[in-house]
Amino acid sequence: MRVEAIFNRDGGTFRTTDMDAYTQYAEEVFRDAGHEINCHVVAGDDMTDVLERTAQRDDVDAMLAGGGDGTISSAAGVAWKSGMPLGVVPAGTMNLFARSLKLPLDIREVLPVLAHGHVIDADIGSADGRAFVHQFSMGLHARMVRYRESFTFGSRIGKISASVRAAVGVIFNPPEFEVDIDIDGHTERRKISAISVSNNHFGHDKLMYADDVTGGHLGFYTAAPLRPHQVAGLVVDVLRGKFRDNVNITEMSGQSVDLHFPKVHGRINCVIDGELLPLQQDVALRIHPGELKLLVGQPDTNVG
């Protein structure tokens, strides 16, 4: 197999990694497994362009993308549209998609797993055609990310600290809004504080990621309008991995979700795989079963 590896030198763990030594190790691992591999270390701003050029080549059988959740989400979108198999090297803070794929979260340990792995047909979600591998969300989560991005941080610990401060801010200022919902033809209007639409249902881990990305459905979660003490209670339930036990959470599933926000006239945000983006008045969310080709470990080497 001919593999092109593209590593985001600005992404998480890679910022403090000797990338010359790392790429040499990657080449040794893949060549020992019988593959041809070329490694490229690029700036974060150049990742998408390099991935897109790689995905269009007819002399490449698969590509690896290394970086945080945002990098991996972008790479998956490129791989989905091109049909190029993608391997994930988790170098971020949360590495949620890598957890869903049960891959080692260490950037060195994951390489032999991928080198001896196989390709599966996985699901990918889209929001108005934009790919997501983890979730689309708005309300509480989007406000927290907006608050977090108003703080300055330059490290993983700094990001976690900023996230905690942002969460406290949201607790005392929760959003509330109306939305018209259509799930596979079932329609209703709700007043809520949060929406989350996931690529397959969240599992039962505290970090809220899917246990399986081949189920062929979207997970759909809403939180009823919340007061500050109720937001605090939900945060505790999320941290305990028991968010489904919270009386304010409603869970559904479907293959298509259409959202209309009747009172959206000013600035409002959503979050797609960790990236804060402006929200339109209408959003179409879809699951694309089996359309993302992923290089993953053999069943006895996927360790989570």
C-alpha atoms as a PDB file:
ATOM      1  CA  MET A   1       0.000   0.000   0.000  1.00  0.00           C
ATOM      2  CA  ARG A   2       1.251   3.468  -0.920  1.00  0.00           C
ATOM      3  CA  VAL A   3       0.601   5.943   1.887  1.00  0.00           C
ATOM      4  CA  GLU A   4       1.005   9.697   2.201  1.00  0.00           C
ATOM      5  CA  ALA A   5       1.171  10.979   5.785  1.00  0.00           C
ATOM      6  CA  ILE A   6       0.410  14.649   6.465  1.00  0.00           C
ATOM      7  CA  PHE A   7       1.117  15.910   9.983  1.00  0.00           C
ATOM      8  CA  ASN A   8      -0.011  19.283  11.324  1.00  0.00           C
ATOM      9  CA  ARG A   9       3.070  20.707  13.007  1.00  0.00           C
ATOM     10  CA  ASP A  10       0.870  23.258  14.810  1.00  0.00           C
ATOM     11  CA  GLY A  11      -1.462  20.602  16.203  1.00  0.00           C
ATOM     12  CA  GLY A  12      -1.343  19.745  19.890  1.00  0.00           C
ATOM     13  CA  THR A  13       1.284  17.125  20.666  1.00  0.00           C
ATOM     14  CA  PHE A  14       3.204  17.781  17.455  1.00  0.00           C
ATOM     15  CA  ARG A  15       4.131  21.291  18.605  1.00  0.00           C
ATOM     16  CA  THR A  16       6.497  19.798  21.178  1.00  0.00           C
ATOM     17  CA  THR A  17       7.557  16.723  19.184  1.00  0.00           C
ATOM     18  CA  ASP A  18      10.845  16.238  17.317  1.00  0.00           C
ATOM     19  CA  MET A  19       9.112  15.856  13.972  1.00  0.00           C
ATOM     20  CA  ASP A  20      12.246  14.702  12.122  1.00  0.00           C
ATOM     21  CA  ALA A  21      12.581  11.780  14.534  1.00  0.00           C
ATOM     22  CA  TYR A  22       8.837  11.123  14.451  1.00  0.00           C
ATOM     23  CA  THR A  23       8.588  10.972  10.670  1.00  0.00           C
ATOM     24  CA  GLN A  24      11.614   8.697  10.551  1.00  0.00           C
ATOM     25  CA  TYR A  25       9.902   6.361  13.025  1.00  0.00           C
ATOM     26  CA  ALA A  26       6.664   6.453  10.982  1.00  0.00           C
ATOM     27  CA  GLU A  27       8.569   5.525   7.836  1.00  0.00           C
ATOM     28  CA  GLU A  28      10.279   2.621   9.588  1.00  0.00           C
ATOM     29  CA  VAL A  29       7.015   1.273  11.012  1.00  0.00           C
ATOM     30  CA  PHE A  30       5.124   1.361   7.721  1.00  0.00           C
ATOM     31  CA  ARG A  31       7.984   0.030   5.644  1.00  0.00           C
ATOM     32  CA  ASP A  32       8.482  -2.840   8.095  1.00  0.00           C
ATOM     33  CA  ALA A  33       4.807  -3.640   7.532  1.00  0.00           C
ATOM     34  CA  GLY A  34       5.390  -3.777   3.778  1.00  0.00           C
ATOM     35  CA  HIS A  35       4.069  -0.340   2.781  1.00  0.00           C
ATOM     36  CA  GLU A  36       5.526   2.609   0.896  1.00  0.00           C
ATOM     37  CA  ILE A  37       5.128   5.855   2.835  1.00  0.00           C
ATOM     38  CA  ASN A  38       6.038   9.506   2.444  1.00  0.00           C
ATOM     39  CA  CYS A  39       5.687  11.887   5.377  1.00  0.00           C
ATOM     40  CA  HIS A  40       4.993  15.618   5.190  1.00  0.00           C
ATOM     41  CA  VAL A  41       5.037  18.048   8.113  1.00  0.00           C
ATOM     42  CA  VAL A  42       3.040  21.142   7.238  1.00  0.00           C
ATOM     43  CA  ALA A  43       1.662  24.254   8.883  1.00  0.00           C
ATOM     44  CA  GLY A  44      -1.903  24.102  10.122  1.00  0.00           C
ATOM     45  CA  ASP A  45      -3.061  26.672   7.575  1.00  0.00           C
ATOM     46  CA  ASP A  46      -1.751  24.477   4.763  1.00  0.00           C
ATOM     47  CA  MET A  47      -3.263  21.177   5.895  1.00  0.00           C
ATOM     48  CA  THR A  48      -6.463  21.290   3.879  1.00  0.00           C
ATOM     49  CA  ASP A  49      -4.710  22.197   0.631  1.00  0.00           C
ATOM     50  CA  VAL A  50      -2.150  19.421   1.044  1.00  0.00           C
ATOM     51  CA  LEU A  51      -4.833  16.887   1.946  1.00  0.00           C
ATOM     52  CA  GLU A  52      -6.950  17.847  -1.053  1.00  0.00           C
ATOM     53  CA  ARG A  53      -4.028  17.533  -3.454  1.00  0.00           C
ATOM     54  CA  THR A  54      -3.089  14.179  -1.948  1.00  0.00           C
ATOM     55  CA  ALA A  55      -6.651  12.862  -2.190  1.00  0.00           C
ATOM     56  CA  GLN A  56      -6.721  13.536  -5.921  1.00  0.00           C
ATOM     57  CA  ARG A  57      -3.604  11.522  -6.693  1.00  0.00           C
ATOM     58  CA  ASP A  58      -4.042   8.197  -8.444  1.00  0.00           C
ATOM     59  CA  ASP A  59      -0.719   6.819  -7.195  1.00  0.00           C
ATOM     60  CA  VAL A  60      -1.761   6.866  -3.495  1.00  0.00           C
ATOM     61  CA  ASP A  61      -3.773   4.135  -1.769  1.00  0.00           C
ATOM     62  CA  ALA A  62      -4.382   5.861   1.585  1.00  0.00           C
ATOM     63  CA  MET A  63      -3.436   8.951   3.525  1.00  0.00           C
ATOM     64  CA  LEU A  64      -2.747   9.582   7.196  1.00  0.00           C
ATOM     65  CA  ALA A  65      -3.723  12.842   8.869  1.00  0.00           C
ATOM     66  CA  GLY A  66      -2.160  13.844  12.165  1.00  0.00           C
ATOM     67  CA  GLY A  67      -3.423  16.636  14.403  1.00  0.00           C
ATOM     68  CA  GLY A  68      -6.238  17.666  16.704  1.00  0.00           C
ATOM     69  CA  ASP A  69      -9.964  17.112  16.292  1.00  0.00           C
ATOM     70  CA  GLY A  70     -10.311  20.051  13.891  1.00  0.00           C
ATOM     71  CA  THR A  71      -7.564  18.719  11.633  1.00  0.00           C
ATOM     72  CA  ILE A  72      -9.049  15.229  11.658  1.00  0.00           C
ATOM     73  CA  SER A  73     -12.518  16.564  10.876  1.00  0.00           C
ATOM     74  CA  SER A  74     -11.196  18.496   7.878  1.00  0.00           C
ATOM     75  CA  ALA A  75      -9.233  15.461   6.687  1.00  0.00           C
ATOM     76  CA  ALA A  76     -12.321  13.270   6.966  1.00  0.00           C
ATOM     77  CA  GLY A  77     -14.299  15.724   4.855  1.00  0.00           C
ATOM     78  CA  VAL A  78     -11.631  15.557   2.153  1.00  0.00           C
ATOM     79  CA  ALA A  79     -11.464  11.762   2.351  1.00  0.00           C
ATOM     80  CA  TRP A  80     -15.258  11.456   2.179  1.00  0.00           C
ATOM     81  CA  LYS A  81     -15.572  13.552  -0.960  1.00  0.00           C
ATOM     82  CA  SER A  82     -12.644  11.875  -2.707  1.00  0.00           C
ATOM     83  CA  GLY A  83     -13.141   8.273  -1.557  1.00  0.00           C
ATOM     84  CA  MET A  84      -9.534   8.119  -0.318  1.00  0.00           C
ATOM     85  CA  PRO A  85      -9.034   5.873   2.766  1.00  0.00           C
ATOM     86  CA  LEU A  86      -7.950   7.882   5.817  1.00  0.00           C
ATOM     87  CA  GLY A  87      -5.894   6.916   8.844  1.00  0.00           C
ATOM     88  CA  VAL A  88      -6.104   9.053  11.993  1.00  0.00           C
ATOM     89  CA  VAL A  89      -3.069  10.018  14.100  1.00  0.00           C
ATOM     90  CA  PRO A  90      -4.487  11.700  17.237  1.00  0.00           C
ATOM     91  CA  ALA A  91      -2.364  14.651  18.370  1.00  0.00           C
ATOM     92  CA  GLY A  92      -5.004  16.895  19.941  1.00  0.00           C
ATOM     93  CA  THR A  93      -6.471  17.517  23.377  1.00  0.00           C
ATOM     94  CA  MET A  94      -9.596  15.351  23.282  1.00  0.00           C
ATOM     95  CA  ASN A  95      -9.075  13.142  20.200  1.00  0.00           C
ATOM     96  CA  LEU A  96     -12.744  12.196  20.185  1.00  0.00           C
ATOM     97  CA  PHE A  97     -12.904  10.561  16.773  1.00  0.00           C
ATOM     98  CA  ALA A  98      -9.814   8.467  17.505  1.00  0.00           C
ATOM     99  CA  ARG A  99     -11.567   7.289  20.671  1.00  0.00           C
ATOM    100  CA  SER A 100     -14.611   6.308  18.619  1.00  0.00           C
ATOM    101  CA  LEU A 101     -12.299   4.277  16.371  1.00  0.00           C
ATOM    102  CA  LYS A 102     -10.699   2.650  19.433  1.00  0.00           C
ATOM    103  CA  LEU A 103      -7.240   3.746  18.371  1.00  0.00           C
ATOM    104  CA  PRO A 104      -4.309   4.296  20.743  1.00  0.00           C
ATOM    105  CA  LEU A 105      -4.143   7.953  21.734  1.00  0.00           C
ATOM    106  CA  ASP A 106      -0.338   8.022  21.753  1.00  0.00           C
ATOM    107  CA  ILE A 107       1.127   9.352  18.490  1.00  0.00           C
ATOM    108  CA  ARG A 108       3.820   6.649  18.434  1.00  0.00           C
ATOM    109  CA  GLU A 109       1.684   3.725  19.562  1.00  0.00           C
ATOM    110  CA  VAL A 110      -0.955   4.384  16.919  1.00  0.00           C
ATOM    111  CA  LEU A 111       1.447   3.974  13.989  1.00  0.00           C
ATOM    112  CA  PRO A 112       1.977   0.187  14.137  1.00  0.00           C
ATOM    113  CA  VAL A 113      -1.764  -0.260  14.700  1.00  0.00           C
ATOM    114  CA  LEU A 114      -2.512   1.625  11.487  1.00  0.00           C
ATOM    115  CA  ALA A 115       0.376   0.004   9.586  1.00  0.00           C
ATOM    116  CA  HIS A 116      -1.095  -3.445  10.294  1.00  0.00           C
ATOM    117  CA  GLY A 117      -4.716  -2.294  10.046  1.00  0.00           C
ATOM    118  CA  HIS A 118      -7.473  -2.604   7.503  1.00  0.00           C
ATOM    119  CA  VAL A 119     -10.002  -0.321   5.797  1.00  0.00           C
ATOM    120  CA  ILE A 120     -13.611  -0.120   6.975  1.00  0.00           C
ATOM    121  CA  ASP A 121     -16.666   1.671   5.586  1.00  0.00           C
ATOM    122  CA  ALA A 122     -17.690   4.149   8.284  1.00  0.00           C
ATOM    123  CA  ASP A 123     -20.423   6.749   8.593  1.00  0.00           C
ATOM    124  CA  ILE A 124     -19.972  10.492   8.361  1.00  0.00           C
ATOM    125  CA  GLY A 125     -22.416  13.291   9.086  1.00  0.00           C
ATOM    126  CA  SER A 126     -22.976  16.560   7.259  1.00  0.00           C
ATOM    127  CA  ALA A 127     -24.468  19.936   8.132  1.00  0.00           C
ATOM    128  CA  ASP A 128     -25.552  21.725   4.963  1.00  0.00           C
ATOM    129  CA  GLY A 129     -22.983  19.620   3.120  1.00  0.00           C
ATOM    130  CA  ARG A 130     -20.126  20.313   5.548  1.00  0.00           C
ATOM    131  CA  ALA A 131     -18.750  17.072   6.942  1.00  0.00           C
ATOM    132  CA  PHE A 132     -18.578  16.248  10.634  1.00  0.00           C
ATOM    133  CA  VAL A 133     -17.227  13.115  12.279  1.00  0.00           C
ATOM    134  CA  HIS A 134     -18.235  13.928  15.850  1.00  0.00           C
ATOM    135  CA  GLN A 135     -21.072  16.401  16.301  1.00  0.00           C
ATOM    136  CA  PHE A 136     -22.972  19.519  15.350  1.00  0.00           C
ATOM    137  CA  SER A 137     -24.137  21.524  18.346  1.00  0.00           C
ATOM    138  CA  MET A 138     -25.558  24.874  19.351  1.00  0.00           C
ATOM    139  CA  GLY A 139     -26.831  26.580  22.456  1.00  0.00           C
ATOM    140  CA  LEU A 140     -24.871  25.722  25.598  1.00  0.00           C
ATOM    141  CA  HIS A 141     -21.887  24.223  23.788  1.00  0.00           C
ATOM    142  CA  ALA A 142     -21.579  26.994  21.213  1.00  0.00           C
ATOM    143  CA  ARG A 143     -21.766  29.662  23.904  1.00  0.00           C
ATOM    144  CA  MET A 144     -19.103  27.863  25.936  1.00  0.00           C
ATOM    145  CA  VAL A 145     -16.765  27.665  22.924  1.00  0.00           C
ATOM    146  CA  ARG A 146     -17.342  31.363  22.190  1.00  0.00           C
ATOM    147  CA  TYR A 147     -16.489  32.232  25.781  1.00  0.00           C
ATOM    148  CA  ARG A 148     -13.419  29.966  25.707  1.00  0.00           C
ATOM    149  CA  GLU A 149     -12.106  31.542  22.517  1.00  0.00           C
ATOM    150  CA  SER A 150     -12.269  34.960  24.172  1.00  0.00           C
ATOM    151  CA  PHE A 151      -9.536  33.794  26.572  1.00  0.00           C
ATOM    152  CA  THR A 152      -5.849  33.526  25.707  1.00  0.00           C
ATOM    153  CA  PHE A 153      -4.142  30.142  26.055  1.00  0.00           C
ATOM    154  CA  GLY A 154      -1.126  28.520  24.465  1.00  0.00           C
ATOM    155  CA  SER A 155      -1.040  25.004  25.866  1.00  0.00           C
ATOM    156  CA  ARG A 156      -3.231  21.976  26.524  1.00  0.00           C
ATOM    157  CA  ILE A 157      -3.474  22.908  30.220  1.00  0.00           C
ATOM    158  CA  GLY A 158      -4.316  26.469  29.258  1.00  0.00           C
ATOM    159  CA  LYS A 159      -7.093  25.257  26.965  1.00  0.00           C
ATOM    160  CA  ILE A 160      -8.554  23.087  29.712  1.00  0.00           C
ATOM    161  CA  SER A 161      -8.423  26.009  32.147  1.00  0.00           C
ATOM    162  CA  ALA A 162     -10.129  28.273  29.611  1.00  0.00           C
ATOM    163  CA  SER A 163     -12.807  25.622  29.056  1.00  0.00           C
ATOM    164  CA  VAL A 164     -13.528  25.470  32.792  1.00  0.00           C
ATOM    165  CA  ARG A 165     -13.842  29.263  32.993  1.00  0.00           C
ATOM    166  CA  ALA A 166     -16.107  29.248  29.946  1.00  0.00           C
ATOM    167  CA  ALA A 167     -18.309  26.528  31.442  1.00  0.00           C
ATOM    168  CA  VAL A 168     -18.771  28.597  34.591  1.00  0.00           C
ATOM    169  CA  GLY A 169     -19.764  31.582  32.450  1.00  0.00           C
ATOM    170  CA  VAL A 170     -22.394  29.532  30.613  1.00  0.00           C
ATOM    171  CA  ILE A 171     -23.837  28.202  33.858  1.00  0.00           C
ATOM    172  CA  PHE A 172     -24.743  31.748  34.887  1.00  0.00           C
ATOM    173  CA  ASN A 173     -25.914  32.794  31.415  1.00  0.00           C
ATOM    174  CA  PRO A 174     -27.607  29.865  29.655  1.00  0.00           C
ATOM    175  CA  PRO A 175     -29.196  30.442  26.230  1.00  0.00           C
ATOM    176  CA  GLU A 176     -32.837  29.765  25.395  1.00  0.00           C
ATOM    177  CA  PHE A 177     -34.365  29.654  21.921  1.00  0.00           C
ATOM    178  CA  GLU A 178     -37.109  28.119  19.753  1.00  0.00           C
ATOM    179  CA  VAL A 179     -36.494  25.608  16.983  1.00  0.00           C
ATOM    180  CA  ASP A 180     -38.673  23.766  14.491  1.00  0.00           C
ATOM    181  CA  ILE A 181     -37.456  20.184  14.187  1.00  0.00           C
ATOM    182  CA  ASP A 182     -38.054  17.623  11.448  1.00  0.00           C
ATOM    183  CA  ILE A 183     -36.568  14.171  12.134  1.00  0.00           C
ATOM    184  CA  ASP A 184     -37.276  11.704   9.341  1.00  0.00           C
ATOM    185  CA  GLY A 185     -40.597  13.452   8.677  1.00  0.00           C
ATOM    186  CA  HIS A 186     -41.668  13.851  12.322  1.00  0.00           C
ATOM    187  CA  THR A 187     -42.053  17.592  13.032  1.00  0.00           C
ATOM    188  CA  GLU A 188     -42.431  19.637  16.197  1.00  0.00           C
ATOM    189  CA  ARG A 189     -41.453  22.968  17.723  1.00  0.00           C
ATOM    190  CA  ARG A 190     -39.447  23.082  20.938  1.00  0.00           C
ATOM    191  CA  LYS A 191     -38.044  25.733  23.223  1.00  0.00           C
ATOM    192  CA  ILE A 192     -34.613  24.579  24.340  1.00  0.00           C
ATOM    193  CA  SER A 193     -31.194  25.550  25.681  1.00  0.00           C
ATOM    194  CA  ALA A 194     -29.075  23.152  23.638  1.00  0.00           C
ATOM    195  CA  ILE A 195     -29.006  20.867  20.615  1.00  0.00           C
ATOM    196  CA  SER A 196     -26.435  18.230  19.758  1.00  0.00           C
ATOM    197  CA  VAL A 197     -26.495  16.054  16.653  1.00  0.00           C
ATOM    198  CA  SER A 198     -23.871  13.300  16.627  1.00  0.00           C
ATOM    199  CA  ASN A 199     -22.409  10.890  14.080  1.00  0.00           C
ATOM    200  CA  ASN A 200     -24.164   7.855  15.630  1.00  0.00           C
ATOM    201  CA  HIS A 201     -25.317   7.866  19.247  1.00  0.00           C
ATOM    202  CA  PHE A 202     -22.936   8.880  21.980  1.00  0.00           C
ATOM    203  CA  GLY A 203     -21.661   5.988  24.061  1.00  0.00           C
ATOM    204  CA  HIS A 204     -21.533   5.972  27.833  1.00  0.00           C
ATOM    205  CA  ASP A 205     -18.060   7.431  28.310  1.00  0.00           C
ATOM    206  CA  LYS A 206     -17.723  10.737  30.153  1.00  0.00           C
ATOM    207  CA  LEU A 207     -16.317  12.450  27.067  1.00  0.00           C
ATOM    208  CA  MET A 208     -19.427  11.762  24.977  1.00  0.00           C
ATOM    209  CA  TYR A 209     -18.231  10.164  21.767  1.00  0.00           C
ATOM    210  CA  ALA A 210     -19.773   7.388  19.677  1.00  0.00           C
ATOM    211  CA  ASP A 211     -18.815   3.812  20.511  1.00  0.00           C
ATOM    212  CA  ASP A 212     -19.526   2.790  16.914  1.00  0.00           C
ATOM    213  CA  VAL A 213     -19.394   4.855  13.716  1.00  0.00           C
ATOM    214  CA  THR A 214     -21.059   2.249  11.509  1.00  0.00           C
ATOM    215  CA  GLY A 215     -24.601   2.325  12.920  1.00  0.00           C
ATOM    216  CA  GLY A 216     -26.062   4.411  10.106  1.00  0.00           C
ATOM    217  CA  HIS A 217     -27.883   7.058  12.146  1.00  0.00           C
ATOM    218  CA  LEU A 218     -27.624  10.458  13.778  1.00  0.00           C
ATOM    219  CA  GLY A 219     -27.974  10.850  17.504  1.00  0.00           C
ATOM    220  CA  PHE A 220     -30.231  13.818  18.333  1.00  0.00           C
ATOM    221  CA  TYR A 221     -30.167  15.397  21.785  1.00  0.00           C
ATOM    222  CA  THR A 222     -31.888  18.470  23.177  1.00  0.00           C
ATOM    223  CA  ALA A 223     -31.880  20.131  26.580  1.00  0.00           C
ATOM    224  CA  ALA A 224     -35.025  21.857  27.770  1.00  0.00           C
ATOM    225  CA  PRO A 225     -34.763  25.525  28.826  1.00  0.00           C
ATOM    226  CA  LEU A 226     -32.408  25.541  31.786  1.00  0.00           C
ATOM    227  CA  ARG A 227     -31.865  27.757  34.799  1.00  0.00           C
ATOM    228  CA  PRO A 228     -28.332  28.183  36.179  1.00  0.00           C
ATOM    229  CA  HIS A 229     -28.703  25.464  38.811  1.00  0.00           C
ATOM    230  CA  GLN A 230     -30.010  23.065  36.155  1.00  0.00           C
ATOM    231  CA  VAL A 231     -27.050  23.797  33.870  1.00  0.00           C
ATOM    232  CA  ALA A 232     -24.741  23.054  36.791  1.00  0.00           C
ATOM    233  CA  GLY A 233     -26.560  19.769  37.363  1.00  0.00           C
ATOM    234  CA  LEU A 234     -26.233  18.854  33.691  1.00  0.00           C
ATOM    235  CA  VAL A 235     -22.496  19.604  33.781  1.00  0.00           C
ATOM    236  CA  VAL A 236     -22.139  17.253  36.749  1.00  0.00           C
ATOM    237  CA  ASP A 237     -24.103  14.535  34.934  1.00  0.00           C
ATOM    238  CA  VAL A 238     -21.941  14.926  31.822  1.00  0.00           C
ATOM    239  CA  LEU A 239     -18.763  14.658  33.910  1.00  0.00           C
ATOM    240  CA  ARG A 240     -20.168  11.506  35.540  1.00  0.00           C
ATOM    241  CA  GLY A 241     -21.008  10.002  32.150  1.00  0.00           C
ATOM    242  CA  LYS A 242     -24.686  10.013  33.158  1.00  0.00           C
ATOM    243  CA  PHE A 243     -26.086  12.796  30.997  1.00  0.00           C
ATOM    244  CA  ARG A 244     -28.887  10.511  29.779  1.00  0.00           C
ATOM    245  CA  ASP A 245     -30.173  10.334  33.360  1.00  0.00           C
ATOM    246  CA  ASN A 246     -30.762  14.082  33.415  1.00  0.00           C
ATOM    247  CA  VAL A 247     -34.502  14.804  33.285  1.00  0.00           C
ATOM    248  CA  ASN A 248     -33.959  17.766  30.964  1.00  0.00           C
ATOM    249  CA  ILE A 249     -32.332  15.723  28.181  1.00  0.00           C
ATOM    250  CA  THR A 250     -34.326  14.234  25.306  1.00  0.00           C
ATOM    251  CA  GLU A 251     -32.674  11.673  23.009  1.00  0.00           C
ATOM    252  CA  MET A 252     -33.837  10.583  19.574  1.00  0.00           C
ATOM    253  CA  SER A 253     -32.261   9.206  16.412  1.00  0.00           C
ATOM    254  CA  GLY A 254     -32.754   9.474  12.672  1.00  0.00           C
ATOM    255  CA  GLN A 255     -31.073   9.665   9.317  1.00  0.00           C
ATOM    256  CA  SER A 256     -32.129  13.217   8.517  1.00  0.00           C
ATOM    257  CA  VAL A 257     -32.627  16.195  10.804  1.00  0.00           C
ATOM    258  CA  ASP A 258     -33.839  19.562   9.524  1.00  0.00           C
ATOM    259  CA  LEU A 259     -33.763  22.542  11.864  1.00  0.00           C
ATOM    260  CA  HIS A 260     -35.425  25.930  11.436  1.00  0.00           C
ATOM    261  CA  PHE A 261     -34.828  28.763  13.889  1.00  0.00           C
ATOM    262  CA  PRO A 262     -37.825  31.104  13.512  1.00  0.00           C
ATOM    263  CA  LYS A 263     -36.403  33.913  15.625  1.00  0.00           C
ATOM    264  CA  VAL A 264     -32.816  33.914  14.345  1.00  0.00           C
ATOM    265  CA  HIS A 265     -32.215  37.356  12.906  1.00  0.00           C
ATOM    266  CA  GLY A 266     -28.955  38.433  14.508  1.00  0.00           C
ATOM    267  CA  ARG A 267     -25.628  36.757  15.230  1.00  0.00           C
ATOM    268  CA  ILE A 268     -25.844  33.159  16.444  1.00  0.00           C
ATOM    269  CA  ASN A 269     -23.279  30.373  16.394  1.00  0.00           C
ATOM    270  CA  CYS A 270     -23.008  26.632  16.088  1.00  0.00           C
ATOM    271  CA  VAL A 271     -20.072  24.287  16.666  1.00  0.00           C
ATOM    272  CA  ILE A 272     -19.073  21.651  14.117  1.00  0.00           C
ATOM    273  CA  ASP A 273     -16.403  19.271  15.398  1.00  0.00           C
ATOM    274  CA  GLY A 274     -15.077  21.922  17.768  1.00  0.00           C
ATOM    275  CA  GLU A 275     -15.064  24.823  15.290  1.00  0.00           C
ATOM    276  CA  LEU A 276     -17.247  27.836  16.046  1.00  0.00           C
ATOM    277  CA  LEU A 277     -19.209  28.876  12.955  1.00  0.00           C
ATOM    278  CA  PRO A 278     -22.066  31.251  12.121  1.00  0.00           C
ATOM    279  CA  LEU A 279     -25.471  29.585  12.033  1.00  0.00           C
ATOM    280  CA  GLN A 280     -28.050  29.965   9.290  1.00  0.00           C
ATOM    281  CA  GLN A 281     -31.783  30.092   9.939  1.00  0.00           C
ATOM    282  CA  ASP A 282     -32.182  26.633   8.368  1.00  0.00           C
ATOM    283  CA  VAL A 283     -29.797  23.699   8.762  1.00  0.00           C
ATOM    284  CA  ALA A 284     -30.021  20.285   7.076  1.00  0.00           C
ATOM    285  CA  LEU A 285     -28.182  17.482   8.872  1.00  0.00           C
ATOM    286  CA  ARG A 286     -27.681  14.084   7.296  1.00  0.00           C
ATOM    287  CA  ILE A 287     -25.915  10.796   7.970  1.00  0.00           C
ATOM    288  CA  HIS A 288     -24.016   9.156   5.119  1.00  0.00           C
ATOM    289  CA  PRO A 289     -23.767   5.471   6.045  1.00  0.00           C
ATOM    290  CA  GLY A 290     -20.602   3.688   4.983  1.00  0.00           C
ATOM    291  CA  GLU A 291     -19.338   6.558   2.812  1.00  0.00           C
ATOM    292  CA  LEU A 292     -16.118   7.291   4.750  1.00  0.00           C
ATOM    293  CA  LYS A 293     -13.279   4.831   4.217  1.00  0.00           C
ATOM    294  CA  LEU A 294     -11.119   4.596   7.336  1.00  0.00           C
ATOM    295  CA  LEU A 295      -7.873   2.801   8.055  1.00  0.00           C
ATOM    296  CA  VAL A 296      -8.228   1.299  11.524  1.00  0.00           C
ATOM    297  CA  GLY A 297      -6.572  -1.384  13.604  1.00  0.00           C
ATOM    298  CA  GLN A 298      -7.438  -5.047  13.573  1.00  0.00           C
ATOM    299  CA  PRO A 299     -10.124  -5.928  16.160  1.00  0.00           C
ATOM    300  CA  ASP A 300      -7.547  -7.244  18.619  1.00  0.00           C
ATOM    301  CA  THR A 301      -5.342  -4.137  18.325  1.00  0.00           C
ATOM    302  CA  ASN A 302      -7.969  -1.375  18.644  1.00  0.00           C
ATOM    303  CA  VAL A 303      -7.462  -0.411  22.252  1.00  0.00           C
ATOM    304  CA  GLY A 304      -9.405   2.838  22.758  1.00  0.00           C
END
